[in-house]
Amino acid sequence: MKKASLIIQDIQNNVYNDTFLDIYVDQEQLEHQKSRYVQAIEKFIDLYGDQEVSIYSTPGRSEVCGNHTDHQHGEVLAAAINLDIIAVVAKDDTKIKILSDDYDIEAIHIDDLTLRENEKESSEGLIRGILARFQQLQYKIGGFVGYMTSDVLQGSGLSSSAAFEVMIGTILSGMYNDMKVDPVTIAKIGQYSENVYFGKPCGLMDQCACSVGSLIHIDFKDNENPIVEKINVDFPRFHHSLCIVDVHASHADLTEDYASIPEELKEVDHFFHQEYLRDVDEKEFYEHLTEVREAVNDRAVLRAIHVFKENKRVQQAVQSLKQEDFDTFKTIVKASGESSFKYLQNIYSNHYVGQQAVSLALALSEDLLGAHGVCRVHGGGFAGTIQAFVEDDYVEAYKQGIEKYFGEGSCHILKIRKYGGMKVID
């Protein structure tokens, strides 16, 4: 470990240029990241003095295929992206104390890990829960002080909360466990903390993608022990960027719309005396389609058709990437988006039919992209963001075109990064 001021000097002297290029995958990002790291270290020095520090990074994530399959114990393809949280940290004997951008997180003392109801839905609760779970699993724990800064967009479906959970777990792994805590285990610890200490039910996709990195295929058939496969593919050689477009539509009052998807699918599940669609025989589903329609409703049936087909698309997408067949991969991504629109029906709310920003973004994107890329809804749907895979040479044209309609800065040009939670500088 080096003193913080010496790391600043090294960054300014280009010592870590190759490291930053390796992580962030974009030459144009280099100077921005160097400046960002220096500012973060300077902030740490202002807060805690010029101590010996380590610097960690955890990426956000993007769902690539597998829209609303995870809660039915289905399959998902997700990717780590080159937007991340970075943390400058130093050891502390008794507590974890963090300033996250401008948010001052209260100190968590490592000798008091009892669940607190007043910490539900708080960063403090997440930290305490992660410490508690580390201890339960017989990993070493300890304290640290630090400054974190994030460029993972809030409310964009890029999973800033999961990135934070993974960051805390990765720091504990690095500082006290020689970086030997498995990334999937770190993801599960984050999920535990979010479920128990934060008080929010969630799956494991977000945490896994942030922790493992690259493209990952997750099979949730056994939800307690999902199968996580890292797809080792050299994504830059395909010469495409991942664009996330914020359509600036509010998520407010959409709880009922989101909830309707698992609720309606559950009705189909129960018709076949199952808890999850993954355990329903597809052939039997179609054989009894008339009775299913009578027992539930047509939208539930259509949503089930989407999930059956979407699980197969995930498998096809994984196979196409392994074979480096990017054209087929794009075809599958497009088909996933079309299925979400037609069958899953999570593109706009039936309560606000006059507000269809996601639909409009998809329609405009299809016209703008032509043969230069494909697009789909991103994440939960109904509002928020869309996703597009765009040829590198056409990215700027697409960005300029779509921002005419949704405003400057609405299109975020990203790259898929190969690393999950990691120690950058020690």
Protein backbone atom coordinates (compact mmCIF):
# COMPACT_ATOMS: atom_id res chain seq x y z
CA MET A 1 0.00 0.00 0.00
CA LYS A 2 1.09 3.53 -0.75
CA LYS A 3 0.24 6.87 0.73
CA ALA A 4 -2.62 8.57 -1.03
CA SER A 5 -0.48 11.51 -2.20
CA LEU A 6 2.02 9.15 -3.86
CA ILE A 7 -0.77 7.42 -5.78
CA ILE A 8 -1.88 10.83 -7.08
CA GLN A 9 1.64 11.39 -8.37
CA ASP A 10 1.69 7.98 -10.03
CA ILE A 11 -1.64 8.65 -11.76
CA GLN A 12 -0.45 12.03 -13.01
CA ASN A 13 2.77 10.38 -14.25
CA ASN A 14 0.73 7.88 -16.31
CA VAL A 15 1.76 4.85 -14.23
CA TYR A 16 -1.77 3.42 -14.28
CA ASN A 17 -2.77 4.30 -17.86
CA ASP A 18 -2.75 0.67 -19.01
CA THR A 19 -4.75 -0.35 -15.95
CA PHE A 20 -7.44 2.26 -16.62
CA LEU A 21 -7.66 1.33 -20.30
CA ASP A 22 -8.00 -2.33 -19.37
CA ILE A 23 -10.83 -1.60 -16.93
CA TYR A 24 -12.78 1.08 -18.79
CA VAL A 25 -12.27 -0.24 -22.35
CA ASP A 26 -12.37 3.19 -23.93
CA GLN A 27 -9.38 5.36 -24.86
CA GLU A 28 -11.60 8.43 -24.72
CA GLN A 29 -12.31 7.69 -21.04
CA LEU A 30 -8.65 7.73 -19.99
CA GLU A 31 -8.19 11.37 -19.03
CA HIS A 32 -11.62 11.51 -17.42
CA GLN A 33 -10.87 8.48 -15.24
CA LYS A 34 -7.44 9.79 -14.24
CA SER A 35 -8.99 13.08 -13.16
CA ARG A 36 -11.83 11.27 -11.40
CA TYR A 37 -9.46 9.04 -9.40
CA VAL A 38 -7.26 12.00 -8.43
CA GLN A 39 -10.29 13.98 -7.22
CA ALA A 40 -11.49 10.99 -5.19
CA ILE A 41 -8.09 10.57 -3.54
CA GLU A 42 -7.87 14.29 -2.77
CA LYS A 43 -11.30 14.08 -1.16
CA PHE A 44 -10.11 11.14 0.94
CA ILE A 45 -7.07 13.15 2.09
CA ASP A 46 -9.33 16.07 3.04
CA LEU A 47 -11.49 13.74 5.13
CA TYR A 48 -9.00 11.38 6.72
CA GLY A 49 -5.48 12.64 6.05
CA ASP A 50 -2.70 11.34 3.81
CA GLN A 51 -2.82 7.65 4.79
CA GLU A 52 -1.84 4.44 3.03
CA VAL A 53 -4.83 3.49 0.91
CA SER A 54 -6.25 0.94 -1.50
CA ILE A 55 -8.64 1.77 -4.35
CA TYR A 56 -11.48 -0.50 -5.44
CA SER A 57 -13.96 -0.47 -8.34
CA THR A 58 -17.35 -2.11 -8.82
CA PRO A 59 -19.32 -1.78 -12.08
CA GLY A 60 -22.97 -1.22 -12.77
CA ARG A 61 -24.80 -3.79 -14.83
CA SER A 62 -27.12 -4.09 -17.76
CA GLU A 63 -29.63 -6.87 -18.46
CA VAL A 64 -28.98 -8.04 -22.04
CA CYS A 65 -31.55 -10.82 -22.43
CA GLY A 66 -33.99 -12.47 -20.06
CA ASN A 67 -36.60 -9.80 -19.40
CA HIS A 68 -38.67 -10.72 -16.30
CA THR A 69 -37.50 -14.33 -16.25
CA ASP A 70 -35.59 -14.32 -12.96
CA HIS A 71 -38.67 -14.29 -10.68
CA GLN A 72 -39.91 -17.38 -12.55
CA HIS A 73 -36.61 -19.21 -11.85
CA GLY A 74 -35.61 -18.68 -15.46
CA GLU A 75 -32.39 -17.70 -17.22
CA VAL A 76 -30.74 -14.31 -17.70
CA LEU A 77 -27.84 -12.84 -19.66
CA ALA A 78 -26.38 -9.74 -18.01
CA ALA A 79 -23.28 -7.62 -18.46
CA ALA A 80 -20.98 -5.46 -16.37
CA ILE A 81 -20.54 -1.97 -17.81
CA ASN A 82 -17.81 0.66 -17.68
CA LEU A 83 -19.71 2.93 -15.31
CA ASP A 84 -18.65 2.17 -11.77
CA ILE A 85 -18.28 3.07 -8.13
CA ILE A 86 -14.73 3.72 -6.99
CA ALA A 87 -13.71 3.68 -3.35
CA VAL A 88 -10.54 5.03 -1.73
CA VAL A 89 -10.16 3.24 1.62
CA ALA A 90 -7.83 2.78 4.57
CA LYS A 91 -8.04 0.27 7.43
CA ASP A 92 -9.76 1.17 10.69
CA ASP A 93 -9.80 -1.06 13.76
CA THR A 94 -13.34 -0.53 14.93
CA LYS A 95 -15.72 0.81 12.32
CA ILE A 96 -16.73 1.34 8.70
CA LYS A 97 -17.13 5.05 7.95
CA ILE A 98 -17.88 6.21 4.41
CA LEU A 99 -18.71 9.43 2.64
CA SER A 100 -20.43 8.49 -0.62
CA ASP A 101 -20.26 11.49 -2.94
CA ASP A 102 -22.07 14.04 -0.78
CA TYR A 103 -23.97 11.50 1.33
CA ASP A 104 -22.48 11.02 4.79
CA ILE A 105 -23.13 7.42 5.86
CA GLU A 106 -23.17 6.95 9.62
CA ALA A 107 -20.36 4.87 11.10
CA ILE A 108 -21.08 1.15 11.56
CA HIS A 109 -19.16 -0.41 14.44
CA ILE A 110 -18.04 -3.94 13.65
CA ASP A 111 -18.82 -5.21 17.16
CA ASP A 112 -22.54 -4.40 16.79
CA LEU A 113 -24.10 -6.23 13.86
CA THR A 114 -27.62 -6.66 15.22
CA LEU A 115 -30.46 -6.09 12.77
CA ARG A 116 -32.01 -2.65 13.34
CA GLU A 117 -35.50 -1.83 12.10
CA ASN A 118 -34.66 1.88 11.88
CA GLU A 119 -31.91 1.05 9.32
CA LYS A 120 -34.29 -0.56 6.85
CA GLU A 121 -33.91 0.93 3.34
CA SER A 122 -30.62 2.60 4.31
CA SER A 123 -26.95 2.32 3.34
CA GLU A 124 -26.16 1.77 7.02
CA GLY A 125 -28.42 -1.28 7.04
CA LEU A 126 -26.75 -2.70 3.93
CA ILE A 127 -23.26 -2.32 5.44
CA ARG A 128 -24.27 -3.87 8.76
CA GLY A 129 -25.95 -6.77 6.94
CA ILE A 130 -22.90 -7.47 4.78
CA LEU A 131 -20.63 -7.49 7.85
CA ALA A 132 -23.03 -9.82 9.66
CA ARG A 133 -23.20 -12.24 6.75
CA PHE A 134 -19.42 -12.27 6.32
CA GLN A 135 -19.16 -13.21 9.98
CA GLN A 136 -21.88 -15.87 9.73
CA LEU A 137 -19.98 -17.48 6.83
CA GLN A 138 -16.80 -17.40 8.95
CA TYR A 139 -14.93 -14.87 6.85
CA LYS A 140 -12.77 -12.28 8.58
CA ILE A 141 -14.21 -8.81 9.06
CA GLY A 142 -12.76 -5.46 10.00
CA GLY A 143 -13.25 -1.77 9.61
CA PHE A 144 -12.22 0.87 7.14
CA VAL A 145 -12.70 4.55 6.41
CA GLY A 146 -13.26 5.68 2.87
CA TYR A 147 -14.62 7.96 0.21
CA MET A 148 -16.78 6.59 -2.62
CA THR A 149 -17.92 8.21 -5.81
CA SER A 150 -20.24 6.74 -8.41
CA ASP A 151 -21.06 7.40 -12.04
CA VAL A 152 -23.59 4.53 -12.16
CA LEU A 153 -26.77 6.35 -13.10
CA GLN A 154 -29.47 6.35 -10.42
CA GLY A 155 -32.85 5.00 -11.51
CA SER A 156 -31.50 3.86 -14.88
CA GLY A 157 -31.80 0.14 -14.39
CA LEU A 158 -28.00 -0.11 -14.15
CA SER A 159 -28.16 -1.27 -10.55
CA SER A 160 -26.36 1.31 -8.45
CA SER A 161 -27.56 -0.33 -5.19
CA ALA A 162 -26.16 -3.75 -6.12
CA ALA A 163 -22.87 -2.13 -7.10
CA PHE A 164 -22.69 -0.55 -3.63
CA GLU A 165 -23.34 -3.89 -1.91
CA VAL A 166 -20.71 -5.62 -4.02
CA MET A 167 -18.26 -2.80 -3.30
CA ILE A 168 -18.53 -3.30 0.47
CA GLY A 169 -18.10 -7.06 0.06
CA THR A 170 -15.13 -6.66 -2.29
CA ILE A 171 -13.34 -4.29 0.11
CA LEU A 172 -13.85 -6.74 2.99
CA SER A 173 -12.54 -9.52 0.77
CA GLY A 174 -9.49 -7.48 -0.21
CA MET A 175 -8.63 -5.99 3.17
CA TYR A 176 -9.25 -8.96 5.42
CA ASN A 177 -9.50 -12.11 3.27
CA ASP A 178 -6.69 -11.77 0.69
CA MET A 179 -9.28 -11.28 -2.11
CA LYS A 180 -10.28 -14.93 -1.69
CA VAL A 181 -14.03 -14.51 -1.23
CA ASP A 182 -15.60 -15.86 -4.41
CA PRO A 183 -17.44 -13.19 -6.50
CA VAL A 184 -20.68 -15.23 -6.49
CA THR A 185 -20.44 -15.52 -2.71
CA ILE A 186 -20.02 -11.73 -2.49
CA ALA A 187 -23.14 -11.38 -4.66
CA LYS A 188 -25.12 -13.71 -2.38
CA ILE A 189 -23.95 -11.76 0.68
CA GLY A 190 -25.20 -8.54 -0.97
CA GLN A 191 -28.55 -10.17 -1.71
CA TYR A 192 -28.82 -11.41 1.88
CA SER A 193 -28.18 -7.93 3.23
CA GLU A 194 -30.69 -6.34 0.87
CA ASN A 195 -33.35 -8.94 1.75
CA VAL A 196 -32.83 -9.08 5.52
CA TYR A 197 -31.20 -5.83 6.70
CA PHE A 198 -32.44 -3.44 3.98
CA GLY A 199 -35.85 -5.07 3.85
CA LYS A 200 -36.28 -5.37 0.11
CA PRO A 201 -36.95 -8.67 -1.67
CA CYS A 202 -34.68 -8.99 -4.70
CA GLY A 203 -33.19 -11.63 -6.96
CA LEU A 204 -29.51 -12.27 -7.50
CA MET A 205 -29.00 -11.07 -11.06
CA ASP A 206 -27.89 -7.54 -10.24
CA GLN A 207 -25.37 -8.49 -7.60
CA CYS A 208 -23.93 -11.33 -9.72
CA ALA A 209 -23.39 -9.15 -12.76
CA CYS A 210 -21.71 -6.43 -10.70
CA SER A 211 -19.53 -8.90 -8.80
CA VAL A 212 -18.48 -11.35 -11.53
CA GLY A 213 -18.02 -8.95 -14.46
CA SER A 214 -18.05 -9.43 -18.23
CA LEU A 215 -21.11 -11.13 -19.69
CA ILE A 216 -22.65 -13.72 -17.42
CA HIS A 217 -25.30 -16.35 -17.95
CA ILE A 218 -27.33 -17.07 -14.81
CA ASP A 219 -29.68 -20.02 -14.45
CA PHE A 220 -32.07 -19.52 -11.51
CA LYS A 221 -33.63 -23.00 -11.55
CA ASP A 222 -32.31 -23.45 -8.01
CA ASN A 223 -32.73 -19.92 -6.73
CA GLU A 224 -30.66 -20.59 -3.62
CA ASN A 225 -27.75 -21.87 -5.69
CA PRO A 226 -27.98 -20.33 -9.16
CA ILE A 227 -25.60 -21.51 -11.84
CA VAL A 228 -23.44 -18.56 -12.89
CA GLU A 229 -21.37 -18.89 -16.05
CA LYS A 230 -18.99 -16.18 -17.17
CA ILE A 231 -18.97 -15.84 -20.94
CA ASN A 232 -15.37 -15.18 -21.86
CA VAL A 233 -15.76 -13.22 -25.05
CA ASP A 234 -13.63 -10.41 -26.41
CA PHE A 235 -16.48 -7.95 -26.79
CA PRO A 236 -14.44 -5.05 -28.26
CA ARG A 237 -13.66 -7.10 -31.37
CA PHE A 238 -17.36 -6.93 -32.31
CA HIS A 239 -17.03 -3.12 -32.64
CA HIS A 240 -20.33 -2.35 -30.97
CA SER A 241 -21.19 -0.11 -28.04
CA LEU A 242 -24.00 -0.50 -25.55
CA CYS A 243 -26.21 2.58 -25.42
CA ILE A 244 -28.69 3.26 -22.62
CA VAL A 245 -31.25 5.95 -23.39
CA ASP A 246 -33.09 7.65 -20.53
CA VAL A 247 -36.59 8.50 -21.78
CA HIS A 248 -37.25 10.72 -18.74
CA ALA A 249 -40.50 9.02 -17.84
CA SER A 250 -41.44 8.78 -14.18
CA HIS A 251 -41.48 5.46 -12.30
CA ALA A 252 -44.02 6.94 -9.88
CA ASP A 253 -47.33 5.12 -9.56
CA LEU A 254 -46.09 2.11 -11.51
CA THR A 255 -45.91 -0.34 -8.62
CA GLU A 256 -49.16 -2.02 -9.68
CA ASP A 257 -47.87 -2.43 -13.25
CA TYR A 258 -44.63 -4.06 -12.11
CA ALA A 259 -46.43 -6.27 -9.62
CA SER A 260 -48.96 -7.43 -12.21
CA ILE A 261 -46.30 -9.41 -14.10
CA PRO A 262 -45.27 -11.86 -11.33
CA GLU A 263 -48.86 -11.91 -10.01
CA GLU A 264 -50.36 -12.94 -13.35
CA LEU A 265 -47.59 -15.44 -14.04
CA LYS A 266 -48.20 -16.90 -10.58
CA GLU A 267 -51.81 -17.55 -11.58
CA VAL A 268 -50.57 -19.58 -14.55
CA ASP A 269 -48.10 -21.39 -12.30
CA HIS A 270 -50.81 -22.32 -9.83
CA PHE A 271 -53.10 -23.63 -12.59
CA PHE A 272 -50.44 -26.30 -13.12
CA HIS A 273 -49.86 -26.70 -9.36
CA GLN A 274 -46.41 -25.14 -9.55
CA GLU A 275 -44.81 -22.11 -7.92
CA TYR A 276 -42.70 -21.01 -10.89
CA LEU A 277 -43.14 -21.15 -14.64
CA ARG A 278 -39.74 -22.84 -14.93
CA ASP A 279 -41.40 -25.99 -13.52
CA VAL A 280 -44.39 -25.87 -15.88
CA ASP A 281 -44.13 -28.15 -18.91
CA GLU A 282 -44.41 -25.94 -22.01
CA LYS A 283 -46.07 -28.66 -24.07
CA GLU A 284 -48.67 -29.19 -21.35
CA PHE A 285 -49.22 -25.40 -21.22
CA TYR A 286 -50.20 -25.30 -24.88
CA GLU A 287 -52.30 -28.46 -24.60
CA HIS A 288 -54.38 -26.81 -21.87
CA LEU A 289 -54.32 -23.30 -23.31
CA THR A 290 -58.13 -23.03 -23.56
CA GLU A 291 -58.58 -23.94 -19.90
CA VAL A 292 -55.74 -21.62 -18.85
CA ARG A 293 -57.41 -18.70 -20.65
CA GLU A 294 -60.66 -19.40 -18.84
CA ALA A 295 -58.93 -19.73 -15.46
CA VAL A 296 -56.73 -16.61 -15.68
CA ASN A 297 -56.76 -14.09 -18.55
CA ASP A 298 -55.27 -13.59 -22.00
CA ARG A 299 -52.56 -11.17 -20.87
CA ALA A 300 -51.31 -13.70 -18.32
CA VAL A 301 -51.18 -16.31 -21.09
CA LEU A 302 -49.25 -13.96 -23.37
CA ARG A 303 -46.81 -13.14 -20.57
CA ALA A 304 -46.22 -16.83 -19.96
CA ILE A 305 -45.53 -17.33 -23.68
CA HIS A 306 -42.92 -14.56 -23.43
CA VAL A 307 -41.16 -16.23 -20.49
CA PHE A 308 -41.09 -19.66 -22.16
CA LYS A 309 -39.57 -18.17 -25.31
CA GLU A 310 -37.30 -15.74 -23.48
CA ASN A 311 -35.55 -18.52 -21.57
CA LYS A 312 -34.75 -20.18 -24.89
CA ARG A 313 -33.52 -16.87 -26.30
CA VAL A 314 -31.08 -16.49 -23.41
CA GLN A 315 -29.61 -19.90 -24.22
CA GLN A 316 -29.39 -18.97 -27.91
CA ALA A 317 -27.75 -15.64 -27.12
CA VAL A 318 -25.14 -17.35 -24.94
CA GLN A 319 -24.39 -19.88 -27.66
CA SER A 320 -24.07 -17.22 -30.35
CA LEU A 321 -21.56 -15.27 -28.22
CA LYS A 322 -19.52 -18.40 -27.54
CA GLN A 323 -19.39 -18.96 -31.29
CA GLU A 324 -18.55 -15.26 -31.83
CA ASP A 325 -21.61 -14.92 -34.04
CA PHE A 326 -22.56 -11.35 -33.19
CA ASP A 327 -25.12 -10.98 -35.97
CA THR A 328 -27.16 -13.82 -34.50
CA PHE A 329 -26.72 -12.35 -31.05
CA LYS A 330 -28.19 -9.03 -32.24
CA THR A 331 -31.12 -10.83 -33.86
CA ILE A 332 -31.89 -12.49 -30.54
CA VAL A 333 -31.64 -9.19 -28.61
CA LYS A 334 -34.10 -7.64 -31.09
CA ALA A 335 -36.46 -10.60 -30.71
CA SER A 336 -36.29 -10.25 -26.93
CA GLY A 337 -37.37 -6.63 -27.21
CA GLU A 338 -40.20 -7.43 -29.61
CA SER A 339 -41.47 -10.13 -27.27
CA SER A 340 -41.43 -7.72 -24.33
CA PHE A 341 -43.51 -5.29 -26.39
CA LYS A 342 -46.04 -7.77 -27.81
CA TYR A 343 -46.37 -10.47 -25.18
CA LEU A 344 -44.92 -9.34 -21.85
CA GLN A 345 -46.45 -5.87 -22.41
CA ASN A 346 -44.16 -3.91 -20.08
CA ILE A 347 -43.51 -0.98 -22.43
CA TYR A 348 -46.19 1.36 -21.09
CA SER A 349 -48.75 1.41 -18.32
CA ASN A 350 -52.35 0.54 -19.06
CA HIS A 351 -53.25 3.19 -16.49
CA TYR A 352 -51.54 5.95 -18.47
CA VAL A 353 -51.98 4.98 -22.11
CA GLY A 354 -51.25 8.53 -23.25
CA GLN A 355 -47.72 8.30 -21.80
CA GLN A 356 -45.63 6.02 -23.97
CA ALA A 357 -42.10 7.40 -23.87
CA VAL A 358 -40.48 3.94 -23.98
CA SER A 359 -42.60 2.94 -26.99
CA LEU A 360 -41.65 6.17 -28.73
CA ALA A 361 -37.94 5.72 -27.96
CA LEU A 362 -38.03 2.23 -29.46
CA ALA A 363 -39.88 3.39 -32.58
CA LEU A 364 -37.49 6.29 -33.13
CA SER A 365 -34.46 4.11 -32.43
CA GLU A 366 -35.50 1.52 -35.00
CA ASP A 367 -35.73 4.25 -37.63
CA LEU A 368 -32.46 5.86 -36.59
CA LEU A 369 -30.52 2.60 -36.39
CA GLY A 370 -31.68 0.83 -39.53
CA ALA A 371 -29.05 -1.87 -40.12
CA HIS A 372 -26.57 -0.25 -37.69
CA GLY A 373 -27.93 -1.74 -34.49
CA VAL A 374 -30.80 -3.18 -32.46
CA CYS A 375 -32.81 -1.96 -29.48
CA ARG A 376 -35.01 -3.30 -26.68
CA VAL A 377 -36.61 -2.24 -23.43
CA HIS A 378 -34.12 -2.19 -20.56
CA GLY A 379 -34.91 -3.63 -17.15
CA GLY A 380 -38.33 -3.68 -15.54
CA GLY A 381 -40.00 -1.56 -18.21
CA PHE A 382 -43.01 0.80 -18.25
CA ALA A 383 -40.67 3.79 -17.87
CA GLY A 384 -36.96 4.45 -17.41
CA THR A 385 -34.60 3.38 -20.17
CA ILE A 386 -34.10 1.49 -23.41
CA GLN A 387 -31.01 -0.39 -24.52
CA ALA A 388 -29.35 -0.39 -27.94
CA PHE A 389 -26.34 -2.24 -29.34
CA VAL A 390 -24.91 0.15 -31.92
CA GLU A 391 -21.99 -0.13 -34.33
CA ASP A 392 -19.08 1.92 -32.99
CA ASP A 393 -18.86 3.94 -36.20
CA TYR A 394 -22.54 4.88 -35.92
CA VAL A 395 -22.75 5.61 -32.20
CA GLU A 396 -22.37 9.37 -32.46
CA ALA A 397 -24.98 9.59 -35.22
CA TYR A 398 -27.43 7.59 -33.09
CA LYS A 399 -26.65 9.64 -29.99
CA GLN A 400 -27.24 12.92 -31.78
CA GLY A 401 -30.42 11.60 -33.39
CA ILE A 402 -32.08 10.22 -30.28
CA GLU A 403 -31.07 13.20 -28.11
CA LYS A 404 -33.04 15.49 -30.42
CA TYR A 405 -36.12 13.88 -28.92
CA PHE A 406 -35.11 13.09 -25.34
CA GLY A 407 -32.65 15.86 -24.58
CA GLU A 408 -28.91 16.34 -24.38
CA GLY A 409 -27.23 13.75 -22.19
CA SER A 410 -30.08 11.25 -22.41
CA CYS A 411 -28.00 8.73 -24.41
CA HIS A 412 -25.19 7.07 -22.46
CA ILE A 413 -22.54 5.31 -24.55
CA LEU A 414 -21.15 2.37 -22.59
CA LYS A 415 -18.80 -0.55 -23.02
CA ILE A 416 -19.00 -4.00 -21.52
CA ARG A 417 -16.14 -4.43 -19.09
CA LYS A 418 -14.52 -7.74 -18.25
CA TYR A 419 -14.04 -7.12 -14.53
CA GLY A 420 -16.53 -7.20 -11.70
CA GLY A 421 -15.69 -6.01 -8.20
CA MET A 422 -11.92 -5.57 -8.05
CA LYS A 423 -8.95 -3.95 -6.35
CA VAL A 424 -7.53 -1.37 -8.79
CA ILE A 425 -4.60 0.07 -6.83
CA ASP A 426 -2.96 -1.21 -3.67
